[in-house]
Amino acid sequence: MELFEYRVTSHPAEAFREIVYFCSQEGRCDLEVIASDQIKKMESILNEGGREGWELVQAAFGKDGVLVFWKRLLKV
């Protein structure tokens, strides 16, 4: 059986000022405006975690920033 460990990282809204993420009343969620430097910032966060062996589970965008949920195999 594989065992995993999990980590949640928080990234402040100041780093993602130009990402506009919204959900409609019907529950459909979209990214409306993404500047290229904002994409690079997100890539940097994901690549840094990947180099440490973490796999992205989910990223949650909110008014205060982004929460990134990670998992990786436990080395037993």
Foldseek 3Di string as FASTA:
>chain_A
DWDKDKDKDWDFCVLVVFWDWDADPVGDIDTDGHDPSSVVVVVVVQVVCVVVAWDWDDWDQDPGGIMTMTMHTDDD
